[in-house]
Amino acid sequence: MYKSQDYNISRILSNNVVLVSDPTVNTEMVLLGKGLGFGQKAGNPIAKNDERIEKRFRMENELHLNQFQSLLTQIDQSVIEIAEEIISWVCDEMTPEINELIHVALPDHIQFAVHRLSSGMEIVNPFLFEIQALYPQEFVLAERAAALIEDTFTITVPESEIGFLALHIHSAVSYIPVAQTVKHTNLILQMIQMVEECLTLKITKESLHYTRMITHFRFVLERLMEGKTIENPLLDRVKTMLPEAYELALQLGELISRKLDVKVPEDEVGYMAMHLFRLFQLVKDKKE
């Protein structure tokens, strides 16, 4: 006999993880806790206040749930616990609305990273500085995540790996796949290279100019991918008064169009030109 304060077990995912339904609100959720699934079977009740329950979360996509169940048989329980602790930080400190796929992607990534680091393999991250600059809040959480991983597995987690952890956190809060974020970051680097070649100027990564530029380019790409448009009331004046910056912005727009297969509106080109004008002024001042 079920009580209103009981969950109903729908599926045993592992000895420590079960899928349950809540008859009072007609929803399903995943419960994590030592021994929750041991000796149980579908249909059995679990008290909502069971002291063994350490974590509750919903996973509404059946494919994600199956992937999560498969993952439980392949990786260490401690990795699951670490990943869920990190996810709790993200929900508490950034947003409770996260992509449920993080429950699969993050532990899978951590397991592989621990294996590589334990084996002495180097982890290379060509986008480390850009990740730190573009996603500072995610990077701070990733640093804490790295400390937790180090304490658990007695390994050293390099900054390059912290950068990748930050990307997974960003993916969870933005609902943008990690692969797409990496693609965008790589494109931003290509855009910066085009700017440097045009101006024959090496922009120091630690400079305010660099941080401003990559941040602006990031938001340009995000707006384009989301189909958002912005109006630029100064567009005609930009074309007339900042012709060199506008020409470079046009070239950047063409690069974006080729790489992402999107149309870059003139208004967006105009805003890029306005940001680029600062660099043109910097070059001019240096020459004088």
C-alpha atoms as a PDB file:
ATOM      1  CA  MET A   1       0.000   0.000   0.000  1.00  0.00           C
ATOM      2  CA  TYR A   2       1.383   3.362  -1.071  1.00  0.00           C
ATOM      3  CA  LYS A   3       1.381   6.494   1.032  1.00  0.00           C
ATOM      4  CA  SER A   4       1.391  10.049  -0.301  1.00  0.00           C
ATOM      5  CA  GLN A   5       4.883  10.410   1.116  1.00  0.00           C
ATOM      6  CA  ASP A   6       6.165   7.478  -0.977  1.00  0.00           C
ATOM      7  CA  TYR A   7       7.734   7.321  -4.425  1.00  0.00           C
ATOM      8  CA  ASN A   8       6.934   4.372  -6.677  1.00  0.00           C
ATOM      9  CA  ILE A   9       9.983   2.680  -8.237  1.00  0.00           C
ATOM     10  CA  SER A  10       9.657   2.596 -12.022  1.00  0.00           C
ATOM     11  CA  ARG A  11      13.067   1.205 -12.913  1.00  0.00           C
ATOM     12  CA  ILE A  12      16.248   0.075 -11.162  1.00  0.00           C
ATOM     13  CA  LEU A  13      19.161   1.837 -12.878  1.00  0.00           C
ATOM     14  CA  SER A  14      21.847   0.511 -10.523  1.00  0.00           C
ATOM     15  CA  ASN A  15      22.322  -0.432  -6.878  1.00  0.00           C
ATOM     16  CA  ASN A  16      22.585   3.277  -6.096  1.00  0.00           C
ATOM     17  CA  VAL A  17      20.278   4.871  -8.680  1.00  0.00           C
ATOM     18  CA  VAL A  18      16.552   4.382  -9.284  1.00  0.00           C
ATOM     19  CA  LEU A  19      13.905   5.947 -11.475  1.00  0.00           C
ATOM     20  CA  VAL A  20      10.745   6.684  -9.503  1.00  0.00           C
ATOM     21  CA  SER A  21       7.325   8.189 -10.074  1.00  0.00           C
ATOM     22  CA  ASP A  22       5.540  10.525  -7.726  1.00  0.00           C
ATOM     23  CA  PRO A  23       1.846   9.509  -7.766  1.00  0.00           C
ATOM     24  CA  THR A  24       0.770  12.811  -6.229  1.00  0.00           C
ATOM     25  CA  VAL A  25       2.044  14.940  -9.140  1.00  0.00           C
ATOM     26  CA  ASN A  26       2.374  12.301 -11.876  1.00  0.00           C
ATOM     27  CA  THR A  27       6.061  12.952 -12.629  1.00  0.00           C
ATOM     28  CA  GLU A  28       9.180  10.789 -12.769  1.00  0.00           C
ATOM     29  CA  MET A  29      12.604  11.563 -11.380  1.00  0.00           C
ATOM     30  CA  VAL A  30      15.986   9.962 -10.795  1.00  0.00           C
ATOM     31  CA  LEU A  31      17.093   9.339  -7.216  1.00  0.00           C
ATOM     32  CA  LEU A  32      20.739   8.835  -6.236  1.00  0.00           C
ATOM     33  CA  GLY A  33      21.868   7.368  -2.931  1.00  0.00           C
ATOM     34  CA  LYS A  34      23.880   4.447  -1.620  1.00  0.00           C
ATOM     35  CA  GLY A  35      21.881   1.211  -1.746  1.00  0.00           C
ATOM     36  CA  LEU A  36      18.642   2.750  -3.035  1.00  0.00           C
ATOM     37  CA  GLY A  37      18.290   0.135  -5.757  1.00  0.00           C
ATOM     38  CA  PHE A  38      19.838  -2.834  -3.970  1.00  0.00           C
ATOM     39  CA  GLY A  39      17.331  -5.668  -3.538  1.00  0.00           C
ATOM     40  CA  GLN A  40      14.534  -3.531  -4.936  1.00  0.00           C
ATOM     41  CA  LYS A  41      12.255  -4.110  -7.911  1.00  0.00           C
ATOM     42  CA  ALA A  42       9.903  -2.061 -10.042  1.00  0.00           C
ATOM     43  CA  GLY A  43       6.694  -1.346  -8.176  1.00  0.00           C
ATOM     44  CA  ASN A  44       8.227  -1.099  -4.720  1.00  0.00           C
ATOM     45  CA  PRO A  45       7.767   2.098  -2.688  1.00  0.00           C
ATOM     46  CA  ILE A  46      10.540   4.399  -1.439  1.00  0.00           C
ATOM     47  CA  ALA A  47       9.766   6.986   1.210  1.00  0.00           C
ATOM     48  CA  LYS A  48      10.281  10.551   0.019  1.00  0.00           C
ATOM     49  CA  ASN A  49      12.142  11.280   3.238  1.00  0.00           C
ATOM     50  CA  ASP A  50      14.406   8.205   2.954  1.00  0.00           C
ATOM     51  CA  GLU A  51      17.709   9.324   4.489  1.00  0.00           C
ATOM     52  CA  ARG A  52      19.675   7.488   1.799  1.00  0.00           C
ATOM     53  CA  ILE A  53      18.459   9.884  -0.926  1.00  0.00           C
ATOM     54  CA  GLU A  54      21.348  12.217  -1.741  1.00  0.00           C
ATOM     55  CA  LYS A  55      20.165  13.747  -5.018  1.00  0.00           C
ATOM     56  CA  ARG A  56      16.952  14.096  -7.041  1.00  0.00           C
ATOM     57  CA  PHE A  57      16.644  15.285 -10.628  1.00  0.00           C
ATOM     58  CA  ARG A  58      14.304  14.887 -13.576  1.00  0.00           C
ATOM     59  CA  MET A  59      15.367  13.375 -16.896  1.00  0.00           C
ATOM     60  CA  GLU A  60      12.459  13.675 -19.297  1.00  0.00           C
ATOM     61  CA  ASN A  61      14.123  12.514 -22.521  1.00  0.00           C
ATOM     62  CA  GLU A  62      13.946   8.702 -22.752  1.00  0.00           C
ATOM     63  CA  LEU A  63      17.121   8.538 -24.866  1.00  0.00           C
ATOM     64  CA  HIS A  64      19.058  10.528 -22.261  1.00  0.00           C
ATOM     65  CA  LEU A  65      17.707   8.272 -19.515  1.00  0.00           C
ATOM     66  CA  ASN A  66      18.828   5.147 -21.379  1.00  0.00           C
ATOM     67  CA  GLN A  67      22.257   6.711 -21.972  1.00  0.00           C
ATOM     68  CA  PHE A  68      22.490   7.536 -18.269  1.00  0.00           C
ATOM     69  CA  GLN A  69      21.582   3.961 -17.306  1.00  0.00           C
ATOM     70  CA  SER A  70      24.178   2.589 -19.723  1.00  0.00           C
ATOM     71  CA  LEU A  71      26.790   4.960 -18.310  1.00  0.00           C
ATOM     72  CA  LEU A  72      26.167   3.708 -14.778  1.00  0.00           C
ATOM     73  CA  THR A  73      27.476   0.268 -15.764  1.00  0.00           C
ATOM     74  CA  GLN A  74      30.643   1.674 -17.342  1.00  0.00           C
ATOM     75  CA  ILE A  75      32.066   4.244 -14.937  1.00  0.00           C
ATOM     76  CA  ASP A  76      33.032   4.565 -11.281  1.00  0.00           C
ATOM     77  CA  GLN A  77      30.304   5.485  -8.810  1.00  0.00           C
ATOM     78  CA  SER A  78      32.653   8.164  -7.453  1.00  0.00           C
ATOM     79  CA  VAL A  79      32.663   9.844 -10.874  1.00  0.00           C
ATOM     80  CA  ILE A  80      28.860   9.981 -10.851  1.00  0.00           C
ATOM     81  CA  GLU A  81      28.961  11.514  -7.371  1.00  0.00           C
ATOM     82  CA  ILE A  82      31.540  14.121  -8.415  1.00  0.00           C
ATOM     83  CA  ALA A  83      29.589  15.032 -11.535  1.00  0.00           C
ATOM     84  CA  GLU A  84      26.349  15.421  -9.584  1.00  0.00           C
ATOM     85  CA  GLU A  85      28.090  17.583  -6.982  1.00  0.00           C
ATOM     86  CA  ILE A  86      29.356  19.874  -9.749  1.00  0.00           C
ATOM     87  CA  ILE A  87      25.898  19.983 -11.325  1.00  0.00           C
ATOM     88  CA  SER A  88      24.482  21.011  -7.936  1.00  0.00           C
ATOM     89  CA  TRP A  89      26.911  23.945  -7.829  1.00  0.00           C
ATOM     90  CA  VAL A  90      25.829  24.996 -11.305  1.00  0.00           C
ATOM     91  CA  CYS A  91      22.146  24.875 -10.347  1.00  0.00           C
ATOM     92  CA  ASP A  92      22.731  26.772  -7.098  1.00  0.00           C
ATOM     93  CA  GLU A  93      25.121  29.431  -8.403  1.00  0.00           C
ATOM     94  CA  MET A  94      24.181  29.939 -12.059  1.00  0.00           C
ATOM     95  CA  THR A  95      20.718  28.657 -12.948  1.00  0.00           C
ATOM     96  CA  PRO A  96      18.459  25.755 -11.959  1.00  0.00           C
ATOM     97  CA  GLU A  97      17.359  25.468 -15.595  1.00  0.00           C
ATOM     98  CA  ILE A  98      20.038  23.274 -17.157  1.00  0.00           C
ATOM     99  CA  ASN A  99      20.260  20.860 -20.046  1.00  0.00           C
ATOM    100  CA  GLU A 100      19.532  17.401 -18.607  1.00  0.00           C
ATOM    101  CA  LEU A 101      22.144  15.879 -20.936  1.00  0.00           C
ATOM    102  CA  ILE A 102      24.811  17.201 -18.549  1.00  0.00           C
ATOM    103  CA  HIS A 103      23.999  14.223 -16.284  1.00  0.00           C
ATOM    104  CA  VAL A 104      25.396  12.016 -19.066  1.00  0.00           C
ATOM    105  CA  ALA A 105      28.005  14.217 -20.732  1.00  0.00           C
ATOM    106  CA  LEU A 106      29.823  15.468 -17.630  1.00  0.00           C
ATOM    107  CA  PRO A 107      30.510  12.120 -15.887  1.00  0.00           C
ATOM    108  CA  ASP A 108      31.470  10.595 -19.231  1.00  0.00           C
ATOM    109  CA  HIS A 109      33.973  13.405 -19.793  1.00  0.00           C
ATOM    110  CA  ILE A 110      35.362  13.234 -16.246  1.00  0.00           C
ATOM    111  CA  GLN A 111      35.878   9.467 -16.467  1.00  0.00           C
ATOM    112  CA  PHE A 112      37.857   9.847 -19.702  1.00  0.00           C
ATOM    113  CA  ALA A 113      39.866  12.792 -18.349  1.00  0.00           C
ATOM    114  CA  VAL A 114      40.784  10.887 -15.173  1.00  0.00           C
ATOM    115  CA  HIS A 115      41.919   7.929 -17.279  1.00  0.00           C
ATOM    116  CA  ARG A 116      44.103  10.138 -19.488  1.00  0.00           C
ATOM    117  CA  LEU A 117      45.638  12.051 -16.590  1.00  0.00           C
ATOM    118  CA  SER A 118      46.252   8.884 -14.561  1.00  0.00           C
ATOM    119  CA  SER A 119      48.035   7.429 -17.596  1.00  0.00           C
ATOM    120  CA  GLY A 120      50.283  10.488 -17.880  1.00  0.00           C
ATOM    121  CA  MET A 121      48.722  11.681 -21.127  1.00  0.00           C
ATOM    122  CA  GLU A 122      48.893  15.391 -21.923  1.00  0.00           C
ATOM    123  CA  ILE A 123      45.651  17.322 -22.378  1.00  0.00           C
ATOM    124  CA  VAL A 124      46.005  20.161 -24.877  1.00  0.00           C
ATOM    125  CA  ASN A 125      43.476  22.979 -25.035  1.00  0.00           C
ATOM    126  CA  PRO A 126      44.159  25.586 -27.754  1.00  0.00           C
ATOM    127  CA  PHE A 127      41.223  27.720 -26.582  1.00  0.00           C
ATOM    128  CA  LEU A 128      42.141  28.019 -22.894  1.00  0.00           C
ATOM    129  CA  PHE A 129      42.588  31.789 -22.733  1.00  0.00           C
ATOM    130  CA  GLU A 130      39.439  32.411 -24.752  1.00  0.00           C
ATOM    131  CA  ILE A 131      37.391  30.072 -22.536  1.00  0.00           C
ATOM    132  CA  GLN A 132      38.609  31.914 -19.430  1.00  0.00           C
ATOM    133  CA  ALA A 133      37.701  35.275 -20.963  1.00  0.00           C
ATOM    134  CA  LEU A 134      34.362  34.281 -22.499  1.00  0.00           C
ATOM    135  CA  TYR A 135      32.999  32.107 -19.692  1.00  0.00           C
ATOM    136  CA  PRO A 136      34.519  33.387 -16.418  1.00  0.00           C
ATOM    137  CA  GLN A 137      31.767  32.107 -14.106  1.00  0.00           C
ATOM    138  CA  GLU A 138      31.893  28.659 -15.689  1.00  0.00           C
ATOM    139  CA  PHE A 139      35.685  28.645 -15.353  1.00  0.00           C
ATOM    140  CA  VAL A 140      35.547  29.442 -11.625  1.00  0.00           C
ATOM    141  CA  LEU A 141      33.185  26.507 -11.069  1.00  0.00           C
ATOM    142  CA  ALA A 142      35.435  24.313 -13.225  1.00  0.00           C
ATOM    143  CA  GLU A 143      38.401  25.184 -10.987  1.00  0.00           C
ATOM    144  CA  ARG A 144      36.430  23.965  -7.969  1.00  0.00           C
ATOM    145  CA  ALA A 145      35.448  20.859  -9.918  1.00  0.00           C
ATOM    146  CA  ALA A 146      39.106  20.196 -10.699  1.00  0.00           C
ATOM    147  CA  ALA A 147      39.997  20.442  -6.996  1.00  0.00           C
ATOM    148  CA  LEU A 148      37.281  17.894  -6.193  1.00  0.00           C
ATOM    149  CA  ILE A 149      38.591  15.527  -8.882  1.00  0.00           C
ATOM    150  CA  GLU A 150      42.167  15.953  -7.618  1.00  0.00           C
ATOM    151  CA  ASP A 151      41.173  15.154  -4.030  1.00  0.00           C
ATOM    152  CA  THR A 152      39.196  12.080  -5.076  1.00  0.00           C
ATOM    153  CA  PHE A 153      41.678  10.510  -7.485  1.00  0.00           C
ATOM    154  CA  THR A 154      44.990  11.967  -6.231  1.00  0.00           C
ATOM    155  CA  ILE A 155      45.891  13.422  -9.617  1.00  0.00           C
ATOM    156  CA  THR A 156      46.791  16.882 -10.872  1.00  0.00           C
ATOM    157  CA  VAL A 157      44.214  18.481 -13.153  1.00  0.00           C
ATOM    158  CA  PRO A 158      45.898  21.013 -15.483  1.00  0.00           C
ATOM    159  CA  GLU A 159      44.341  24.297 -16.591  1.00  0.00           C
ATOM    160  CA  SER A 160      43.789  22.842 -20.050  1.00  0.00           C
ATOM    161  CA  GLU A 161      41.360  20.303 -18.579  1.00  0.00           C
ATOM    162  CA  ILE A 162      39.731  22.960 -16.399  1.00  0.00           C
ATOM    163  CA  GLY A 163      38.933  24.747 -19.657  1.00  0.00           C
ATOM    164  CA  PHE A 164      37.140  21.686 -21.007  1.00  0.00           C
ATOM    165  CA  LEU A 165      35.181  21.288 -17.767  1.00  0.00           C
ATOM    166  CA  ALA A 166      34.114  24.931 -18.145  1.00  0.00           C
ATOM    167  CA  LEU A 167      32.847  24.178 -21.656  1.00  0.00           C
ATOM    168  CA  HIS A 168      30.643  21.375 -20.317  1.00  0.00           C
ATOM    169  CA  ILE A 169      29.247  23.693 -17.661  1.00  0.00           C
ATOM    170  CA  HIS A 170      28.588  26.351 -20.300  1.00  0.00           C
ATOM    171  CA  SER A 171      26.854  23.757 -22.457  1.00  0.00           C
ATOM    172  CA  ALA A 172      24.559  22.866 -19.565  1.00  0.00           C
ATOM    173  CA  VAL A 173      23.459  26.436 -18.839  1.00  0.00           C
ATOM    174  CA  SER A 174      23.297  27.641 -22.454  1.00  0.00           C
ATOM    175  CA  TYR A 175      21.810  24.484 -24.032  1.00  0.00           C
ATOM    176  CA  ILE A 176      24.535  24.830 -26.696  1.00  0.00           C
ATOM    177  CA  PRO A 177      26.417  21.573 -27.451  1.00  0.00           C
ATOM    178  CA  VAL A 178      30.103  21.550 -26.487  1.00  0.00           C
ATOM    179  CA  ALA A 179      31.071  20.827 -30.104  1.00  0.00           C
ATOM    180  CA  GLN A 180      29.239  23.952 -31.265  1.00  0.00           C
ATOM    181  CA  THR A 181      30.908  26.109 -28.604  1.00  0.00           C
ATOM    182  CA  VAL A 182      34.316  24.776 -29.678  1.00  0.00           C
ATOM    183  CA  LYS A 183      33.437  25.512 -33.306  1.00  0.00           C
ATOM    184  CA  HIS A 184      32.443  29.067 -32.419  1.00  0.00           C
ATOM    185  CA  THR A 185      35.581  29.607 -30.327  1.00  0.00           C
ATOM    186  CA  ASN A 186      37.739  28.399 -33.202  1.00  0.00           C
ATOM    187  CA  LEU A 187      35.902  30.754 -35.558  1.00  0.00           C
ATOM    188  CA  ILE A 188      36.494  33.659 -33.167  1.00  0.00           C
ATOM    189  CA  LEU A 189      40.231  32.885 -33.267  1.00  0.00           C
ATOM    190  CA  GLN A 190      40.121  32.931 -37.076  1.00  0.00           C
ATOM    191  CA  MET A 191      38.322  36.284 -36.972  1.00  0.00           C
ATOM    192  CA  ILE A 192      40.979  37.713 -34.659  1.00  0.00           C
ATOM    193  CA  GLN A 193      43.708  36.425 -36.971  1.00  0.00           C
ATOM    194  CA  MET A 194      42.005  38.180 -39.902  1.00  0.00           C
ATOM    195  CA  VAL A 195      41.872  41.423 -37.905  1.00  0.00           C
ATOM    196  CA  GLU A 196      45.549  41.141 -36.938  1.00  0.00           C
ATOM    197  CA  GLU A 197      46.602  40.478 -40.533  1.00  0.00           C
ATOM    198  CA  CYS A 198      44.573  43.405 -41.851  1.00  0.00           C
ATOM    199  CA  LEU A 199      45.999  45.808 -39.279  1.00  0.00           C
ATOM    200  CA  THR A 200      49.480  44.232 -39.187  1.00  0.00           C
ATOM    201  CA  LEU A 201      49.023  44.299 -35.437  1.00  0.00           C
ATOM    202  CA  LYS A 202      49.512  41.574 -32.839  1.00  0.00           C
ATOM    203  CA  ILE A 203      46.813  42.003 -30.204  1.00  0.00           C
ATOM    204  CA  THR A 204      48.039  40.953 -26.775  1.00  0.00           C
ATOM    205  CA  LYS A 205      45.718  38.342 -25.297  1.00  0.00           C
ATOM    206  CA  GLU A 206      45.896  39.918 -21.860  1.00  0.00           C
ATOM    207  CA  SER A 207      44.815  43.316 -23.201  1.00  0.00           C
ATOM    208  CA  LEU A 208      41.399  44.893 -22.776  1.00  0.00           C
ATOM    209  CA  HIS A 209      41.168  45.202 -26.577  1.00  0.00           C
ATOM    210  CA  TYR A 210      41.419  41.415 -26.956  1.00  0.00           C
ATOM    211  CA  THR A 211      38.839  40.678 -24.270  1.00  0.00           C
ATOM    212  CA  ARG A 212      36.411  43.234 -25.702  1.00  0.00           C
ATOM    213  CA  MET A 213      36.822  41.846 -29.200  1.00  0.00           C
ATOM    214  CA  ILE A 214      36.319  38.162 -28.426  1.00  0.00           C
ATOM    215  CA  THR A 215      33.340  39.004 -26.205  1.00  0.00           C
ATOM    216  CA  HIS A 216      31.721  41.056 -28.967  1.00  0.00           C
ATOM    217  CA  PHE A 217      32.386  38.328 -31.555  1.00  0.00           C
ATOM    218  CA  ARG A 218      30.878  35.738 -29.193  1.00  0.00           C
ATOM    219  CA  PHE A 219      27.622  37.668 -28.903  1.00  0.00           C
ATOM    220  CA  VAL A 220      27.539  38.262 -32.668  1.00  0.00           C
ATOM    221  CA  LEU A 221      27.713  34.505 -33.293  1.00  0.00           C
ATOM    222  CA  GLU A 222      25.130  33.739 -30.613  1.00  0.00           C
ATOM    223  CA  ARG A 223      22.670  36.264 -32.047  1.00  0.00           C
ATOM    224  CA  LEU A 224      23.119  34.865 -35.541  1.00  0.00           C
ATOM    225  CA  MET A 225      22.610  31.258 -34.419  1.00  0.00           C
ATOM    226  CA  GLU A 226      19.506  32.232 -32.438  1.00  0.00           C
ATOM    227  CA  GLY A 227      18.100  34.189 -35.383  1.00  0.00           C
ATOM    228  CA  LYS A 228      18.031  37.411 -33.396  1.00  0.00           C
ATOM    229  CA  THR A 229      18.346  40.714 -35.251  1.00  0.00           C
ATOM    230  CA  ILE A 230      19.441  44.105 -33.999  1.00  0.00           C
ATOM    231  CA  GLU A 231      18.960  47.482 -35.606  1.00  0.00           C
ATOM    232  CA  ASN A 232      21.872  49.852 -36.083  1.00  0.00           C
ATOM    233  CA  PRO A 233      20.613  53.423 -36.449  1.00  0.00           C
ATOM    234  CA  LEU A 234      24.171  54.565 -37.162  1.00  0.00           C
ATOM    235  CA  LEU A 235      24.716  52.172 -40.075  1.00  0.00           C
ATOM    236  CA  ASP A 236      24.808  54.815 -42.836  1.00  0.00           C
ATOM    237  CA  ARG A 237      27.188  57.004 -40.841  1.00  0.00           C
ATOM    238  CA  VAL A 238      29.425  54.015 -40.082  1.00  0.00           C
ATOM    239  CA  LYS A 239      29.714  53.215 -43.790  1.00  0.00           C
ATOM    240  CA  THR A 240      30.585  56.834 -44.594  1.00  0.00           C
ATOM    241  CA  MET A 241      32.817  57.746 -41.670  1.00  0.00           C
ATOM    242  CA  LEU A 242      34.506  54.383 -40.914  1.00  0.00           C
ATOM    243  CA  PRO A 243      35.080  52.898 -44.389  1.00  0.00           C
ATOM    244  CA  GLU A 244      38.188  50.862 -43.498  1.00  0.00           C
ATOM    245  CA  ALA A 245      36.621  49.356 -40.398  1.00  0.00           C
ATOM    246  CA  TYR A 246      33.423  48.631 -42.313  1.00  0.00           C
ATOM    247  CA  GLU A 247      35.337  46.879 -45.102  1.00  0.00           C
ATOM    248  CA  LEU A 248      37.089  44.643 -42.573  1.00  0.00           C
ATOM    249  CA  ALA A 249      33.751  43.951 -40.869  1.00  0.00           C
ATOM    250  CA  LEU A 250      32.324  42.902 -44.239  1.00  0.00           C
ATOM    251  CA  GLN A 251      35.184  40.407 -44.649  1.00  0.00           C
ATOM    252  CA  LEU A 252      34.524  39.050 -41.160  1.00  0.00           C
ATOM    253  CA  GLY A 253      30.846  38.722 -42.035  1.00  0.00           C
ATOM    254  CA  GLU A 254      31.728  36.728 -45.137  1.00  0.00           C
ATOM    255  CA  LEU A 255      33.926  34.423 -43.035  1.00  0.00           C
ATOM    256  CA  ILE A 256      31.081  33.855 -40.577  1.00  0.00           C
ATOM    257  CA  SER A 257      28.672  33.146 -43.440  1.00  0.00           C
ATOM    258  CA  ARG A 258      31.001  30.522 -44.911  1.00  0.00           C
ATOM    259  CA  LYS A 259      31.724  28.773 -41.627  1.00  0.00           C
ATOM    260  CA  LEU A 260      28.230  28.802 -40.115  1.00  0.00           C
ATOM    261  CA  ASP A 261      26.076  28.965 -43.240  1.00  0.00           C
ATOM    262  CA  VAL A 262      24.174  31.996 -41.975  1.00  0.00           C
ATOM    263  CA  LYS A 263      23.441  35.407 -43.431  1.00  0.00           C
ATOM    264  CA  VAL A 264      25.077  38.283 -41.560  1.00  0.00           C
ATOM    265  CA  PRO A 265      22.809  41.361 -41.658  1.00  0.00           C
ATOM    266  CA  GLU A 266      24.287  44.754 -42.520  1.00  0.00           C
ATOM    267  CA  ASP A 267      23.302  46.102 -39.116  1.00  0.00           C
ATOM    268  CA  GLU A 268      25.467  43.439 -37.457  1.00  0.00           C
ATOM    269  CA  VAL A 269      28.347  44.262 -39.810  1.00  0.00           C
ATOM    270  CA  GLY A 270      27.980  47.903 -38.799  1.00  0.00           C
ATOM    271  CA  TYR A 271      28.285  47.070 -35.110  1.00  0.00           C
ATOM    272  CA  MET A 272      31.403  44.997 -35.765  1.00  0.00           C
ATOM    273  CA  ALA A 273      32.873  47.975 -37.644  1.00  0.00           C
ATOM    274  CA  MET A 274      32.222  50.249 -34.671  1.00  0.00           C
ATOM    275  CA  HIS A 275      34.119  47.880 -32.375  1.00  0.00           C
ATOM    276  CA  LEU A 276      36.939  47.475 -34.888  1.00  0.00           C
ATOM    277  CA  PHE A 277      37.355  51.240 -35.214  1.00  0.00           C
ATOM    278  CA  ARG A 278      39.015  51.311 -31.776  1.00  0.00           C
ATOM    279  CA  LEU A 279      41.768  49.080 -33.125  1.00  0.00           C
ATOM    280  CA  PHE A 280      42.196  51.214 -36.228  1.00  0.00           C
ATOM    281  CA  GLN A 281      42.655  54.186 -33.902  1.00  0.00           C
ATOM    282  CA  LEU A 282      45.194  52.217 -31.854  1.00  0.00           C
ATOM    283  CA  VAL A 283      47.265  51.514 -34.969  1.00  0.00           C
ATOM    284  CA  LYS A 284      47.017  55.150 -36.044  1.00  0.00           C
ATOM    285  CA  ASP A 285      48.146  56.383 -32.624  1.00  0.00           C
ATOM    286  CA  LYS A 286      51.134  54.021 -32.667  1.00  0.00           C
ATOM    287  CA  LYS A 287      52.236  55.327 -36.060  1.00  0.00           C
ATOM    288  CA  GLU A 288      52.002  58.906 -34.834  1.00  0.00           C
END
